[in-house]
Amino acid sequence: MRYQLVLRWPIESPTGDYDQVIQTEDLLREELMGGSEVDGHDLGSGEMNIFLLTDDPTATFEAVRRILERGPAWATVRIAYRVAQGGRYTILWPEDLTEFRVA
């Protein structure tokens, strides 16, 4: 798969919101259809991330939106993608976000 789509949230609790990232990752694994796959997660530096691999980051973003809009995870998520081998991120959400980095 050519692109890495990253979902990023600020960590809001001292325990790192580990349960939330695992639940969200499991939900995405269950509900995302072909064309993308959950590639894992990480927590640290005040943020938690879920990584997806996809050939179509825009379509995968729309699928993620439909899944996450139903719950609290959507309120603070930041989403961007880049070529899987690295490079500059293209921001997808929120629309007014101007900077995206993964620590």
PDB file of N, CA and C in Angstrom:
ATOM      1  N   MET A   1       0.844  -1.164   0.000  1.00  0.00           N
ATOM      2  CA  MET A   1       0.000   0.000   0.000  1.00  0.00           C
ATOM      3  C   MET A   1       0.894   1.233   0.000  1.00  0.00           C
ATOM      4  N   ARG A   2       0.459   2.233  -0.727  1.00  0.00           N
ATOM      5  CA  ARG A   2       1.328   3.366  -1.020  1.00  0.00           C
ATOM      6  C   ARG A   2       1.334   4.473   0.022  1.00  0.00           C
ATOM      7  N   TYR A   3       0.280   4.596   0.836  1.00  0.00           N
ATOM      8  CA  TYR A   3       0.173   5.726   1.753  1.00  0.00           C
ATOM      9  C   TYR A   3      -0.018   5.267   3.195  1.00  0.00           C
ATOM     10  N   GLN A   4       0.436   6.129   4.100  1.00  0.00           N
ATOM     11  CA  GLN A   4       0.211   5.944   5.528  1.00  0.00           C
ATOM     12  C   GLN A   4      -0.733   7.049   5.979  1.00  0.00           C
ATOM     13  N   LEU A   5      -1.889   6.669   6.492  1.00  0.00           N
ATOM     14  CA  LEU A   5      -2.861   7.601   7.056  1.00  0.00           C
ATOM     15  C   LEU A   5      -2.695   7.545   8.565  1.00  0.00           C
ATOM     16  N   VAL A   6      -2.553   8.705   9.200  1.00  0.00           N
ATOM     17  CA  VAL A   6      -2.306   8.758  10.641  1.00  0.00           C
ATOM     18  C   VAL A   6      -3.463   9.468  11.330  1.00  0.00           C
ATOM     19  N   LEU A   7      -3.998   8.833  12.360  1.00  0.00           N
ATOM     20  CA  LEU A   7      -5.015   9.426  13.224  1.00  0.00           C
ATOM     21  C   LEU A   7      -4.305   9.767  14.526  1.00  0.00           C
ATOM     22  N   ARG A   8      -4.386  11.020  14.941  1.00  0.00           N
ATOM     23  CA  ARG A   8      -3.634  11.481  16.112  1.00  0.00           C
ATOM     24  C   ARG A   8      -4.572  12.179  17.087  1.00  0.00           C
ATOM     25  N   TRP A   9      -4.389  11.887  18.379  1.00  0.00           N
ATOM     26  CA  TRP A   9      -5.139  12.530  19.447  1.00  0.00           C
ATOM     27  C   TRP A   9      -4.178  13.003  20.513  1.00  0.00           C
ATOM     28  N   PRO A  10      -4.524  14.089  21.221  1.00  0.00           N
ATOM     29  CA  PRO A  10      -3.740  14.454  22.405  1.00  0.00           C
ATOM     30  C   PRO A  10      -4.032  13.454  23.521  1.00  0.00           C
ATOM     31  N   ILE A  11      -3.029  13.158  24.323  1.00  0.00           N
ATOM     32  CA  ILE A  11      -3.237  12.296  25.485  1.00  0.00           C
ATOM     33  C   ILE A  11      -3.803  13.165  26.596  1.00  0.00           C
ATOM     34  N   GLU A  12      -4.933  12.738  27.136  1.00  0.00           N
ATOM     35  CA  GLU A  12      -5.641  13.547  28.119  1.00  0.00           C
ATOM     36  C   GLU A  12      -5.533  13.027  29.537  1.00  0.00           C
ATOM     37  N   SER A  13      -4.969  11.833  29.729  1.00  0.00           N
ATOM     38  CA  SER A  13      -4.873  11.304  31.090  1.00  0.00           C
ATOM     39  C   SER A  13      -3.461  10.807  31.356  1.00  0.00           C
ATOM     40  N   PRO A  14      -3.077  10.737  32.616  1.00  0.00           N
ATOM     41  CA  PRO A  14      -1.730  10.268  32.962  1.00  0.00           C
ATOM     42  C   PRO A  14      -1.449   8.834  32.513  1.00  0.00           C
ATOM     43  N   THR A  15      -2.501   8.028  32.362  1.00  0.00           N
ATOM     44  CA  THR A  15      -2.296   6.646  31.931  1.00  0.00           C
ATOM     45  C   THR A  15      -2.158   6.537  30.424  1.00  0.00           C
ATOM     46  N   GLY A  16      -2.275   7.643  29.707  1.00  0.00           N
ATOM     47  CA  GLY A  16      -2.034   7.640  28.278  1.00  0.00           C
ATOM     48  C   GLY A  16      -3.195   7.229  27.412  1.00  0.00           C
ATOM     49  N   ASP A  17      -4.382   7.076  27.981  1.00  0.00           N
ATOM     50  CA  ASP A  17      -5.566   6.724  27.195  1.00  0.00           C
ATOM     51  C   ASP A  17      -5.371   5.438  26.398  1.00  0.00           C
ATOM     52  N   TYR A  18      -4.606   4.506  26.961  1.00  0.00           N
ATOM     53  CA  TYR A  18      -4.295   3.264  26.260  1.00  0.00           C
ATOM     54  C   TYR A  18      -5.547   2.502  25.847  1.00  0.00           C
ATOM     55  N   ASP A  19      -6.506   2.391  26.759  1.00  0.00           N
ATOM     56  CA  ASP A  19      -7.739   1.666  26.435  1.00  0.00           C
ATOM     57  C   ASP A  19      -8.462   2.297  25.262  1.00  0.00           C
ATOM     58  N   GLN A  20      -8.491   3.627  25.214  1.00  0.00           N
ATOM     59  CA  GLN A  20      -9.178   4.312  24.118  1.00  0.00           C
ATOM     60  C   GLN A  20      -8.523   4.014  22.772  1.00  0.00           C
ATOM     61  N   VAL A  21      -7.207   4.048  22.714  1.00  0.00           N
ATOM     62  CA  VAL A  21      -6.546   3.797  21.434  1.00  0.00           C
ATOM     63  C   VAL A  21      -6.759   2.349  20.991  1.00  0.00           C
ATOM     64  N   ILE A  22      -6.740   1.410  21.927  1.00  0.00           N
ATOM     65  CA  ILE A  22      -6.967  -0.001  21.580  1.00  0.00           C
ATOM     66  C   ILE A  22      -8.401  -0.210  21.102  1.00  0.00           C
ATOM     67  N   GLN A  23      -9.373   0.386  21.799  1.00  0.00           N
ATOM     68  CA  GLN A  23     -10.771   0.253  21.380  1.00  0.00           C
ATOM     69  C   GLN A  23     -10.993   0.855  19.999  1.00  0.00           C
ATOM     70  N   THR A  24     -10.405   2.009  19.747  1.00  0.00           N
ATOM     71  CA  THR A  24     -10.562   2.660  18.439  1.00  0.00           C
ATOM     72  C   THR A  24      -9.893   1.840  17.359  1.00  0.00           C
ATOM     73  N   GLU A  25      -8.713   1.329  17.635  1.00  0.00           N
ATOM     74  CA  GLU A  25      -7.998   0.489  16.675  1.00  0.00           C
ATOM     75  C   GLU A  25      -8.808  -0.768  16.349  1.00  0.00           C
ATOM     76  N   ASP A  26      -9.364  -1.418  17.371  1.00  0.00           N
ATOM     77  CA  ASP A  26     -10.193  -2.608  17.151  1.00  0.00           C
ATOM     78  C   ASP A  26     -11.431  -2.280  16.326  1.00  0.00           C
ATOM     79  N   LEU A  27     -12.078  -1.161  16.632  1.00  0.00           N
ATOM     80  CA  LEU A  27     -13.260  -0.739  15.879  1.00  0.00           C
ATOM     81  C   LEU A  27     -12.915  -0.542  14.400  1.00  0.00           C
ATOM     82  N   LEU A  28     -11.793   0.116  14.125  1.00  0.00           N
ATOM     83  CA  LEU A  28     -11.380   0.332  12.742  1.00  0.00           C
ATOM     84  C   LEU A  28     -11.071  -0.996  12.049  1.00  0.00           C
ATOM     85  N   ARG A  29     -10.422  -1.906  12.736  1.00  0.00           N
ATOM     86  CA  ARG A  29     -10.128  -3.229  12.154  1.00  0.00           C
ATOM     87  C   ARG A  29     -11.418  -3.956  11.781  1.00  0.00           C
ATOM     88  N   GLU A  30     -12.426  -3.844  12.635  1.00  0.00           N
ATOM     89  CA  GLU A  30     -13.699  -4.525  12.397  1.00  0.00           C
ATOM     90  C   GLU A  30     -14.488  -3.900  11.254  1.00  0.00           C
ATOM     91  N   GLU A  31     -14.469  -2.578  11.146  1.00  0.00           N
ATOM     92  CA  GLU A  31     -15.402  -1.905  10.251  1.00  0.00           C
ATOM     93  C   GLU A  31     -14.814  -1.403   8.931  1.00  0.00           C
ATOM     94  N   LEU A  32     -13.507  -1.224   8.851  1.00  0.00           N
ATOM     95  CA  LEU A  32     -12.933  -0.781   7.579  1.00  0.00           C
ATOM     96  C   LEU A  32     -12.986  -1.928   6.578  1.00  0.00           C
ATOM     97  N   MET A  33     -13.389  -1.626   5.377  1.00  0.00           N
ATOM     98  CA  MET A  33     -13.446  -2.630   4.326  1.00  0.00           C
ATOM     99  C   MET A  33     -12.141  -2.600   3.537  1.00  0.00           C
ATOM    100  N   GLY A  34     -12.053  -3.438   2.522  1.00  0.00           N
ATOM    101  CA  GLY A  34     -10.850  -3.582   1.712  1.00  0.00           C
ATOM    102  C   GLY A  34     -10.267  -2.261   1.234  1.00  0.00           C
ATOM    103  N   GLY A  35      -8.993  -2.305   0.912  1.00  0.00           N
ATOM    104  CA  GLY A  35      -8.317  -1.117   0.425  1.00  0.00           C
ATOM    105  C   GLY A  35      -7.516  -0.396   1.489  1.00  0.00           C
ATOM    106  N   SER A  36      -7.631  -0.847   2.739  1.00  0.00           N
ATOM    107  CA  SER A  36      -6.844  -0.245   3.812  1.00  0.00           C
ATOM    108  C   SER A  36      -6.673  -1.273   4.922  1.00  0.00           C
ATOM    109  N   GLU A  37      -5.657  -1.048   5.748  1.00  0.00           N
ATOM    110  CA  GLU A  37      -5.445  -1.934   6.886  1.00  0.00           C
ATOM    111  C   GLU A  37      -4.853  -1.151   8.043  1.00  0.00           C
ATOM    112  N   VAL A  38      -5.228  -1.549   9.251  1.00  0.00           N
ATOM    113  CA  VAL A  38      -4.669  -0.949  10.450  1.00  0.00           C
ATOM    114  C   VAL A  38      -3.257  -1.498  10.620  1.00  0.00           C
ATOM    115  N   ASP A  39      -2.290  -0.597  10.766  1.00  0.00           N
ATOM    116  CA  ASP A  39      -0.882  -0.989  10.825  1.00  0.00           C
ATOM    117  C   ASP A  39      -0.303  -0.871  12.231  1.00  0.00           C
ATOM    118  N   GLY A  40      -1.106  -0.454  13.204  1.00  0.00           N
ATOM    119  CA  GLY A  40      -0.620  -0.371  14.571  1.00  0.00           C
ATOM    120  C   GLY A  40      -0.867   0.979  15.193  1.00  0.00           C
ATOM    121  N   HIS A  41      -0.257   1.166  16.375  1.00  0.00           N
ATOM    122  CA  HIS A  41      -0.467   2.396  17.133  1.00  0.00           C
ATOM    123  C   HIS A  41       0.783   2.714  17.939  1.00  0.00           C
ATOM    124  N   ASP A  42       0.842   3.932  18.454  1.00  0.00           N
ATOM    125  CA  ASP A  42       1.853   4.280  19.440  1.00  0.00           C
ATOM    126  C   ASP A  42       1.316   5.374  20.340  1.00  0.00           C
ATOM    127  N   LEU A  43       1.913   5.458  21.518  1.00  0.00           N
ATOM    128  CA  LEU A  43       1.560   6.481  22.494  1.00  0.00           C
ATOM    129  C   LEU A  43       2.847   7.074  23.028  1.00  0.00           C
ATOM    130  N   GLY A  44       2.852   8.380  23.219  1.00  0.00           N
ATOM    131  CA  GLY A  44       4.009   9.039  23.794  1.00  0.00           C
ATOM    132  C   GLY A  44       4.088  10.484  23.375  1.00  0.00           C
ATOM    133  N   SER A  45       4.920  11.233  24.076  1.00  0.00           N
ATOM    134  CA  SER A  45       5.128  12.657  23.771  1.00  0.00           C
ATOM    135  C   SER A  45       3.818  13.436  23.736  1.00  0.00           C
ATOM    136  N   GLY A  46       2.880  13.058  24.607  1.00  0.00           N
ATOM    137  CA  GLY A  46       1.628  13.789  24.709  1.00  0.00           C
ATOM    138  C   GLY A  46       0.610  13.495  23.620  1.00  0.00           C
ATOM    139  N   GLU A  47       0.837  12.421  22.854  1.00  0.00           N
ATOM    140  CA  GLU A  47      -0.116  12.083  21.795  1.00  0.00           C
ATOM    141  C   GLU A  47      -0.225  10.574  21.652  1.00  0.00           C
ATOM    142  N   MET A  48      -1.320  10.165  21.039  1.00  0.00           N
ATOM    143  CA  MET A  48      -1.487   8.768  20.660  1.00  0.00           C
ATOM    144  C   MET A  48      -1.873   8.735  19.195  1.00  0.00           C
ATOM    145  N   ASN A  49      -1.390   7.722  18.497  1.00  0.00           N
ATOM    146  CA  ASN A  49      -1.566   7.632  17.047  1.00  0.00           C
ATOM    147  C   ASN A  49      -2.015   6.243  16.650  1.00  0.00           C
ATOM    148  N   ILE A  50      -2.838   6.188  15.617  1.00  0.00           N
ATOM    149  CA  ILE A  50      -3.166   4.937  14.943  1.00  0.00           C
ATOM    150  C   ILE A  50      -2.730   5.114  13.499  1.00  0.00           C
ATOM    151  N   PHE A  51      -2.036   4.101  12.979  1.00  0.00           N
ATOM    152  CA  PHE A  51      -1.504   4.149  11.625  1.00  0.00           C
ATOM    153  C   PHE A  51      -2.280   3.192  10.730  1.00  0.00           C
ATOM    154  N   LEU A  52      -2.690   3.682   9.577  1.00  0.00           N
ATOM    155  CA  LEU A  52      -3.376   2.872   8.583  1.00  0.00           C
ATOM    156  C   LEU A  52      -2.557   2.889   7.299  1.00  0.00           C
ATOM    157  N   LEU A  53      -2.564   1.791   6.566  1.00  0.00           N
ATOM    158  CA  LEU A  53      -1.959   1.739   5.246  1.00  0.00           C
ATOM    159  C   LEU A  53      -3.081   1.676   4.224  1.00  0.00           C
ATOM    160  N   THR A  54      -2.909   2.406   3.128  1.00  0.00           N
ATOM    161  CA  THR A  54      -3.968   2.496   2.134  1.00  0.00           C
ATOM    162  C   THR A  54      -3.404   2.885   0.769  1.00  0.00           C
ATOM    163  N   ASP A  55      -4.126   2.545  -0.259  1.00  0.00           N
ATOM    164  CA  ASP A  55      -3.796   3.029  -1.600  1.00  0.00           C
ATOM    165  C   ASP A  55      -4.602   4.275  -1.945  1.00  0.00           C
ATOM    166  N   ASP A  56      -5.645   4.558  -1.160  1.00  0.00           N
ATOM    167  CA  ASP A  56      -6.510   5.704  -1.430  1.00  0.00           C
ATOM    168  C   ASP A  56      -6.803   6.434  -0.113  1.00  0.00           C
ATOM    169  N   PRO A  57      -5.925   7.370   0.278  1.00  0.00           N
ATOM    170  CA  PRO A  57      -6.097   8.018   1.578  1.00  0.00           C
ATOM    171  C   PRO A  57      -7.390   8.819   1.712  1.00  0.00           C
ATOM    172  N   THR A  58      -7.880   9.392   0.636  1.00  0.00           N
ATOM    173  CA  THR A  58      -9.119  10.167   0.718  1.00  0.00           C
ATOM    174  C   THR A  58     -10.321   9.262   0.989  1.00  0.00           C
ATOM    175  N   ALA A  59     -10.409   8.150   0.290  1.00  0.00           N
ATOM    176  CA  ALA A  59     -11.513   7.206   0.517  1.00  0.00           C
ATOM    177  C   ALA A  59     -11.417   6.591   1.917  1.00  0.00           C
ATOM    178  N   THR A  60     -10.211   6.273   2.356  1.00  0.00           N
ATOM    179  CA  THR A  60     -10.032   5.712   3.695  1.00  0.00           C
ATOM    180  C   THR A  60     -10.408   6.737   4.751  1.00  0.00           C
ATOM    181  N   PHE A  61     -10.035   8.001   4.542  1.00  0.00           N
ATOM    182  CA  PHE A  61     -10.440   9.068   5.459  1.00  0.00           C
ATOM    183  C   PHE A  61     -11.961   9.132   5.572  1.00  0.00           C
ATOM    184  N   GLU A  62     -12.657   9.086   4.451  1.00  0.00           N
ATOM    185  CA  GLU A  62     -14.126   9.153   4.493  1.00  0.00           C
ATOM    186  C   GLU A  62     -14.714   7.963   5.239  1.00  0.00           C
ATOM    187  N   ALA A  63     -14.126   6.782   5.067  1.00  0.00           N
ATOM    188  CA  ALA A  63     -14.594   5.600   5.799  1.00  0.00           C
ATOM    189  C   ALA A  63     -14.330   5.766   7.294  1.00  0.00           C
ATOM    190  N   VAL A  64     -13.144   6.259   7.653  1.00  0.00           N
ATOM    191  CA  VAL A  64     -12.809   6.502   9.053  1.00  0.00           C
ATOM    192  C   VAL A  64     -13.771   7.523   9.653  1.00  0.00           C
ATOM    193  N   ARG A  65     -14.075   8.563   8.902  1.00  0.00           N
ATOM    194  CA  ARG A  65     -15.013   9.590   9.379  1.00  0.00           C
ATOM    195  C   ARG A  65     -16.369   8.973   9.707  1.00  0.00           C
ATOM    196  N   ARG A  66     -16.886   8.156   8.804  1.00  0.00           N
ATOM    197  CA  ARG A  66     -18.193   7.532   9.033  1.00  0.00           C
ATOM    198  C   ARG A  66     -18.173   6.644  10.285  1.00  0.00           C
ATOM    199  N   ILE A  67     -17.067   5.986  10.541  1.00  0.00           N
ATOM    200  CA  ILE A  67     -16.956   5.105  11.698  1.00  0.00           C
ATOM    201  C   ILE A  67     -16.815   5.910  12.992  1.00  0.00           C
ATOM    202  N   LEU A  68     -15.932   6.904  12.993  1.00  0.00           N
ATOM    203  CA  LEU A  68     -15.619   7.618  14.231  1.00  0.00           C
ATOM    204  C   LEU A  68     -16.587   8.739  14.580  1.00  0.00           C
ATOM    205  N   GLU A  69     -17.296   9.272  13.617  1.00  0.00           N
ATOM    206  CA  GLU A  69     -18.258  10.356  13.909  1.00  0.00           C
ATOM    207  C   GLU A  69     -19.321   9.931  14.909  1.00  0.00           C
ATOM    208  N   ARG A  70     -19.553   8.648  15.016  1.00  0.00           N
ATOM    209  CA  ARG A  70     -20.588   8.127  15.916  1.00  0.00           C
ATOM    210  C   ARG A  70     -20.192   8.180  17.383  1.00  0.00           C
ATOM    211  N   GLY A  71     -18.916   8.398  17.671  1.00  0.00           N
ATOM    212  CA  GLY A  71     -18.470   8.342  19.058  1.00  0.00           C
ATOM    213  C   GLY A  71     -17.580   9.507  19.443  1.00  0.00           C
ATOM    214  N   PRO A  72     -17.076   9.485  20.662  1.00  0.00           N
ATOM    215  CA  PRO A  72     -16.305  10.605  21.191  1.00  0.00           C
ATOM    216  C   PRO A  72     -14.924  10.774  20.557  1.00  0.00           C
ATOM    217  N   ALA A  73     -14.397   9.759  19.912  1.00  0.00           N
ATOM    218  CA  ALA A  73     -13.047   9.851  19.337  1.00  0.00           C
ATOM    219  C   ALA A  73     -12.956  10.914  18.247  1.00  0.00           C
ATOM    220  N   TRP A  74     -14.054  11.227  17.600  1.00  0.00           N
ATOM    221  CA  TRP A  74     -14.027  12.181  16.498  1.00  0.00           C
ATOM    222  C   TRP A  74     -13.743  13.610  16.970  1.00  0.00           C
ATOM    223  N   ALA A  75     -14.142  13.946  18.170  1.00  0.00           N
ATOM    224  CA  ALA A  75     -14.076  15.332  18.652  1.00  0.00           C
ATOM    225  C   ALA A  75     -12.671  15.914  18.649  1.00  0.00           C
ATOM    226  N   THR A  76     -11.655  15.096  18.909  1.00  0.00           N
ATOM    227  CA  THR A  76     -10.298  15.639  19.029  1.00  0.00           C
ATOM    228  C   THR A  76      -9.299  15.028  18.052  1.00  0.00           C
ATOM    229  N   VAL A  77      -9.763  14.225  17.115  1.00  0.00           N
ATOM    230  CA  VAL A  77      -8.844  13.563  16.189  1.00  0.00           C
ATOM    231  C   VAL A  77      -8.253  14.555  15.178  1.00  0.00           C
ATOM    232  N   ARG A  78      -7.009  14.307  14.823  1.00  0.00           N
ATOM    233  CA  ARG A  78      -6.313  15.014  13.745  1.00  0.00           C
ATOM    234  C   ARG A  78      -5.896  13.936  12.763  1.00  0.00           C
ATOM    235  N   ILE A  79      -6.113  14.161  11.457  1.00  0.00           N
ATOM    236  CA  ILE A  79      -5.837  13.123  10.465  1.00  0.00           C
ATOM    237  C   ILE A  79      -5.043  13.712   9.309  1.00  0.00           C
ATOM    238  N   ALA A  80      -4.000  12.985   8.920  1.00  0.00           N
ATOM    239  CA  ALA A  80      -3.179  13.381   7.774  1.00  0.00           C
ATOM    240  C   ALA A  80      -2.602  12.118   7.147  1.00  0.00           C
ATOM    241  N   TYR A  81      -2.064  12.266   5.939  1.00  0.00           N
ATOM    242  CA  TYR A  81      -1.430  11.129   5.275  1.00  0.00           C
ATOM    243  C   TYR A  81      -0.151  11.571   4.594  1.00  0.00           C
ATOM    244  N   ARG A  82       0.653  10.578   4.263  1.00  0.00           N
ATOM    245  CA  ARG A  82       1.879  10.798   3.502  1.00  0.00           C
ATOM    246  C   ARG A  82       2.210   9.521   2.748  1.00  0.00           C
ATOM    247  N   VAL A  83       3.145   9.624   1.849  1.00  0.00           N
ATOM    248  CA  VAL A  83       3.646   8.440   1.165  1.00  0.00           C
ATOM    249  C   VAL A  83       4.220   7.519   2.242  1.00  0.00           C
ATOM    250  N   ALA A  84       3.975   6.234   2.131  1.00  0.00           N
ATOM    251  CA  ALA A  84       4.345   5.284   3.190  1.00  0.00           C
ATOM    252  C   ALA A  84       5.831   5.309   3.534  1.00  0.00           C
ATOM    253  N   GLN A  85       6.684   5.635   2.593  1.00  0.00           N
ATOM    254  CA  GLN A  85       8.118   5.654   2.857  1.00  0.00           C
ATOM    255  C   GLN A  85       8.576   6.926   3.553  1.00  0.00           C
ATOM    256  N   GLY A  86       7.679   7.838   3.821  1.00  0.00           N
ATOM    257  CA  GLY A  86       8.025   9.071   4.523  1.00  0.00           C
ATOM    258  C   GLY A  86       7.723  10.289   3.685  1.00  0.00           C
ATOM    259  N   GLY A  87       7.998  11.422   4.227  1.00  0.00           N
ATOM    260  CA  GLY A  87       7.743  12.670   3.524  1.00  0.00           C
ATOM    261  C   GLY A  87       6.782  13.555   4.281  1.00  0.00           C
ATOM    262  N   ARG A  88       6.365  14.596   3.628  1.00  0.00           N
ATOM    263  CA  ARG A  88       5.495  15.611   4.213  1.00  0.00           C
ATOM    264  C   ARG A  88       4.050  15.118   4.303  1.00  0.00           C
ATOM    265  N   TYR A  89       3.402  15.455   5.417  1.00  0.00           N
ATOM    266  CA  TYR A  89       2.005  15.077   5.612  1.00  0.00           C
ATOM    267  C   TYR A  89       1.070  16.032   4.883  1.00  0.00           C
ATOM    268  N   THR A  90       0.001  15.479   4.339  1.00  0.00           N
ATOM    269  CA  THR A  90      -1.113  16.242   3.792  1.00  0.00           C
ATOM    270  C   THR A  90      -2.253  16.147   4.804  1.00  0.00           C
ATOM    271  N   ILE A  91      -2.689  17.277   5.308  1.00  0.00           N
ATOM    272  CA  ILE A  91      -3.720  17.313   6.351  1.00  0.00           C
ATOM    273  C   ILE A  91      -5.100  17.122   5.743  1.00  0.00           C
ATOM    274  N   LEU A  92      -5.883  16.240   6.372  1.00  0.00           N
ATOM    275  CA  LEU A  92      -7.265  16.010   5.957  1.00  0.00           C
ATOM    276  C   LEU A  92      -8.272  16.543   6.972  1.00  0.00           C
ATOM    277  N   TRP A  93      -7.931  16.469   8.277  1.00  0.00           N
ATOM    278  CA  TRP A  93      -8.892  16.858   9.304  1.00  0.00           C
ATOM    279  C   TRP A  93      -8.183  17.309  10.571  1.00  0.00           C
ATOM    280  N   PRO A  94      -8.665  18.315  11.226  1.00  0.00           N
ATOM    281  CA  PRO A  94      -9.732  19.227  10.815  1.00  0.00           C
ATOM    282  C   PRO A  94      -9.255  20.138   9.688  1.00  0.00           C
ATOM    283  N   GLU A  95     -10.204  20.678   8.987  1.00  0.00           N
ATOM    284  CA  GLU A  95      -9.897  21.445   7.785  1.00  0.00           C
ATOM    285  C   GLU A  95      -9.042  22.673   8.060  1.00  0.00           C
ATOM    286  N   ASP A  96      -9.113  23.235   9.254  1.00  0.00           N
ATOM    287  CA  ASP A  96      -8.338  24.445   9.559  1.00  0.00           C
ATOM    288  C   ASP A  96      -6.986  24.151  10.212  1.00  0.00           C
ATOM    289  N   LEU A  97      -6.625  22.881  10.343  1.00  0.00           N
ATOM    290  CA  LEU A  97      -5.333  22.506  10.911  1.00  0.00           C
ATOM    291  C   LEU A  97      -4.205  22.897   9.943  1.00  0.00           C
ATOM    292  N   THR A  98      -3.159  23.521  10.446  1.00  0.00           N
ATOM    293  CA  THR A  98      -2.088  23.989   9.563  1.00  0.00           C
ATOM    294  C   THR A  98      -0.779  23.239   9.740  1.00  0.00           C
ATOM    295  N   GLU A  99      -0.669  22.428  10.809  1.00  0.00           N
ATOM    296  CA  GLU A  99       0.583  21.702  11.053  1.00  0.00           C
ATOM    297  C   GLU A  99       0.267  20.321  11.576  1.00  0.00           C
ATOM    298  N   PHE A 100       1.005  19.325  11.095  1.00  0.00           N
ATOM    299  CA  PHE A 100       0.800  17.946  11.525  1.00  0.00           C
ATOM    300  C   PHE A 100       2.157  17.270  11.605  1.00  0.00           C
ATOM    301  N   ARG A 101       2.484  16.767  12.779  1.00  0.00           N
ATOM    302  CA  ARG A 101       3.720  16.008  12.995  1.00  0.00           C
ATOM    303  C   ARG A 101       3.412  14.840  13.903  1.00  0.00           C
ATOM    304  N   VAL A 102       4.150  13.778  13.731  1.00  0.00           N
ATOM    305  CA  VAL A 102       4.071  12.653  14.644  1.00  0.00           C
ATOM    306  C   VAL A 102       5.365  12.644  15.431  1.00  0.00           C
ATOM    307  N   ALA A 103       5.226  12.719  16.759  1.00  0.00           N
ATOM    308  CA  ALA A 103       6.419  12.783  17.625  1.00  0.00           C
ATOM    309  C   ALA A 103       7.115  11.447  17.701  1.00  0.00           C
TER     310      ALA A 103
END
